[in-house]
C-alpha atoms as a PDB file:
ATOM      1  CA  MET A   1      49.133  63.522 103.790  1.00  0.00           C
ATOM      2  CA  PHE A   2      46.940  66.435 102.663  1.00  0.00           C
ATOM      3  CA  LYS A   3      43.812  64.681 103.866  1.00  0.00           C
ATOM      4  CA  THR A   4      45.258  64.497 107.356  1.00  0.00           C
ATOM      5  CA  LEU A   5      46.450  68.085 107.157  1.00  0.00           C
ATOM      6  CA  PHE A   6      43.077  69.397 105.991  1.00  0.00           C
ATOM      7  CA  SER A   7      41.277  67.510 108.743  1.00  0.00           C
ATOM      8  CA  TYR A   8      42.919  69.846 111.259  1.00  0.00           C
ATOM      9  CA  PHE A   9      41.574  72.888 109.412  1.00  0.00           C
ATOM     10  CA  GLY A  10      37.938  71.882 109.869  1.00  0.00           C
ATOM     11  CA  LYS A  11      36.742  74.706 112.082  1.00  0.00           C
ATOM     12  CA  TYR A  12      39.114  77.255 110.518  1.00  0.00           C
ATOM     13  CA  LYS A  13      38.018  76.904 106.877  1.00  0.00           C
ATOM     14  CA  ILE A  14      36.294  80.293 106.737  1.00  0.00           C
ATOM     15  CA  PHE A  15      39.345  82.016 108.218  1.00  0.00           C
ATOM     16  CA  LEU A  16      41.603  80.344 105.690  1.00  0.00           C
ATOM     17  CA  LEU A  17      39.352  81.458 102.853  1.00  0.00           C
ATOM     18  CA  VAL A  18      39.220  85.053 104.122  1.00  0.00           C
ATOM     19  CA  CYS A  19      42.999  85.070 104.578  1.00  0.00           C
ATOM     20  CA  PHE A  20      43.527  83.768 101.057  1.00  0.00           C
ATOM     21  CA  VAL A  21      41.217  86.407  99.564  1.00  0.00           C
ATOM     22  CA  LEU A  22      42.914  89.211 101.520  1.00  0.00           C
ATOM     23  CA  VAL A  23      46.414  88.128 100.492  1.00  0.00           C
ATOM     24  CA  LEU A  24      45.316  87.780  96.875  1.00  0.00           C
ATOM     25  CA  SER A  25      43.768  91.262  96.986  1.00  0.00           C
ATOM     26  CA  GLU A  26      46.969  92.708  98.449  1.00  0.00           C
ATOM     27  CA  VAL A  27      49.077  91.111  95.732  1.00  0.00           C
ATOM     28  CA  LEU A  28      46.781  92.395  92.983  1.00  0.00           C
ATOM     29  CA  CYS A  29      46.981  95.926  94.388  1.00  0.00           C
ATOM     30  CA  GLU A  30      50.765  95.746  94.502  1.00  0.00           C
ATOM     31  CA  MET A  31      50.962  94.383  90.959  1.00  0.00           C
ATOM     32  CA  MET A  32      48.942  97.278  89.555  1.00  0.00           C
ATOM     33  CA  ILE A  33      51.411  99.928  90.752  1.00  0.00           C
ATOM     34  CA  PRO A  34      54.179  99.195  88.178  1.00  0.00           C
ATOM     35  CA  LYS A  35      51.594  99.259  85.360  1.00  0.00           C
ATOM     36  CA  LEU A  36      50.403 102.652  86.511  1.00  0.00           C
ATOM     37  CA  MET A  37      53.975 103.902  86.795  1.00  0.00           C
ATOM     38  CA  ALA A  38      54.591 102.796  83.213  1.00  0.00           C
ATOM     39  CA  LYS A  39      51.461 104.700  82.171  1.00  0.00           C
ATOM     40  CA  ILE A  40      52.800 107.834  83.855  1.00  0.00           C
ATOM     41  CA  VAL A  41      56.142 107.520  82.068  1.00  0.00           C
ATOM     42  CA  ASP A  42      54.771 106.527  78.664  1.00  0.00           C
ATOM     43  CA  GLN A  43      51.758 108.816  78.431  1.00  0.00           C
ATOM     44  CA  GLY A  44      52.134 111.489  81.073  1.00  0.00           C
ATOM     45  CA  ILE A  45      55.759 112.557  81.068  1.00  0.00           C
ATOM     46  CA  THR A  46      56.372 112.223  77.335  1.00  0.00           C
ATOM     47  CA  THR A  47      53.344 114.353  76.435  1.00  0.00           C
ATOM     48  CA  GLY A  48      53.490 116.638  79.476  1.00  0.00           C
ATOM     49  CA  ASP A  49      49.989 115.730  80.613  1.00  0.00           C
ATOM     50  CA  HIS A  50      49.992 116.948  84.213  1.00  0.00           C
ATOM     51  CA  HIS A  51      46.395 115.880  84.825  1.00  0.00           C
ATOM     52  CA  LEU A  52      47.188 112.262  83.882  1.00  0.00           C
ATOM     53  CA  ILE A  53      50.283 112.293  86.091  1.00  0.00           C
ATOM     54  CA  LEU A  54      48.317 113.642  89.059  1.00  0.00           C
ATOM     55  CA  THR A  55      45.315 111.329  88.726  1.00  0.00           C
ATOM     56  CA  THR A  56      47.444 108.244  88.119  1.00  0.00           C
ATOM     57  CA  GLY A  57      49.714 109.158  91.024  1.00  0.00           C
ATOM     58  CA  LEU A  58      46.732 109.546  93.321  1.00  0.00           C
ATOM     59  CA  THR A  59      45.404 106.208  92.092  1.00  0.00           C
ATOM     60  CA  MET A  60      48.760 104.635  92.945  1.00  0.00           C
ATOM     61  CA  ILE A  61      48.630 106.105  96.443  1.00  0.00           C
ATOM     62  CA  GLY A  62      45.100 104.774  96.870  1.00  0.00           C
ATOM     63  CA  LEU A  63      46.129 101.308  95.713  1.00  0.00           C
ATOM     64  CA  ALA A  64      49.119 101.328  98.061  1.00  0.00           C
ATOM     65  CA  LEU A  65      46.910 102.271 101.010  1.00  0.00           C
ATOM     66  CA  LEU A  66      44.347  99.671  99.996  1.00  0.00           C
ATOM     67  CA  GLY A  67      47.095  97.050  99.769  1.00  0.00           C
ATOM     68  CA  ILE A  68      48.303  98.001 103.241  1.00  0.00           C
ATOM     69  CA  GLY A  69      44.747  97.673 104.513  1.00  0.00           C
ATOM     70  CA  PHE A  70      44.399  94.214 102.996  1.00  0.00           C
ATOM     71  CA  GLY A  71      47.777  93.212 104.430  1.00  0.00           C
ATOM     72  CA  VAL A  72      46.998  94.372 107.950  1.00  0.00           C
ATOM     73  CA  ALA A  73      43.526  92.856 107.993  1.00  0.00           C
END
């Protein structure tokens, strides 16, 4: 069954690979955001470190925009 299915993908293999890499990159970007939020709560808010909160928040915004870019591409 898969052999027949993959025979139809012959000329589209590179597009499938690029699509897979882009989706994987989007998922990895989205999975990093909760870890960064936990870092803000555990290290930034409890100690009052405004610099850590700001830099981690900006990193989260960058990852979200990067994830959107990977999703749209």
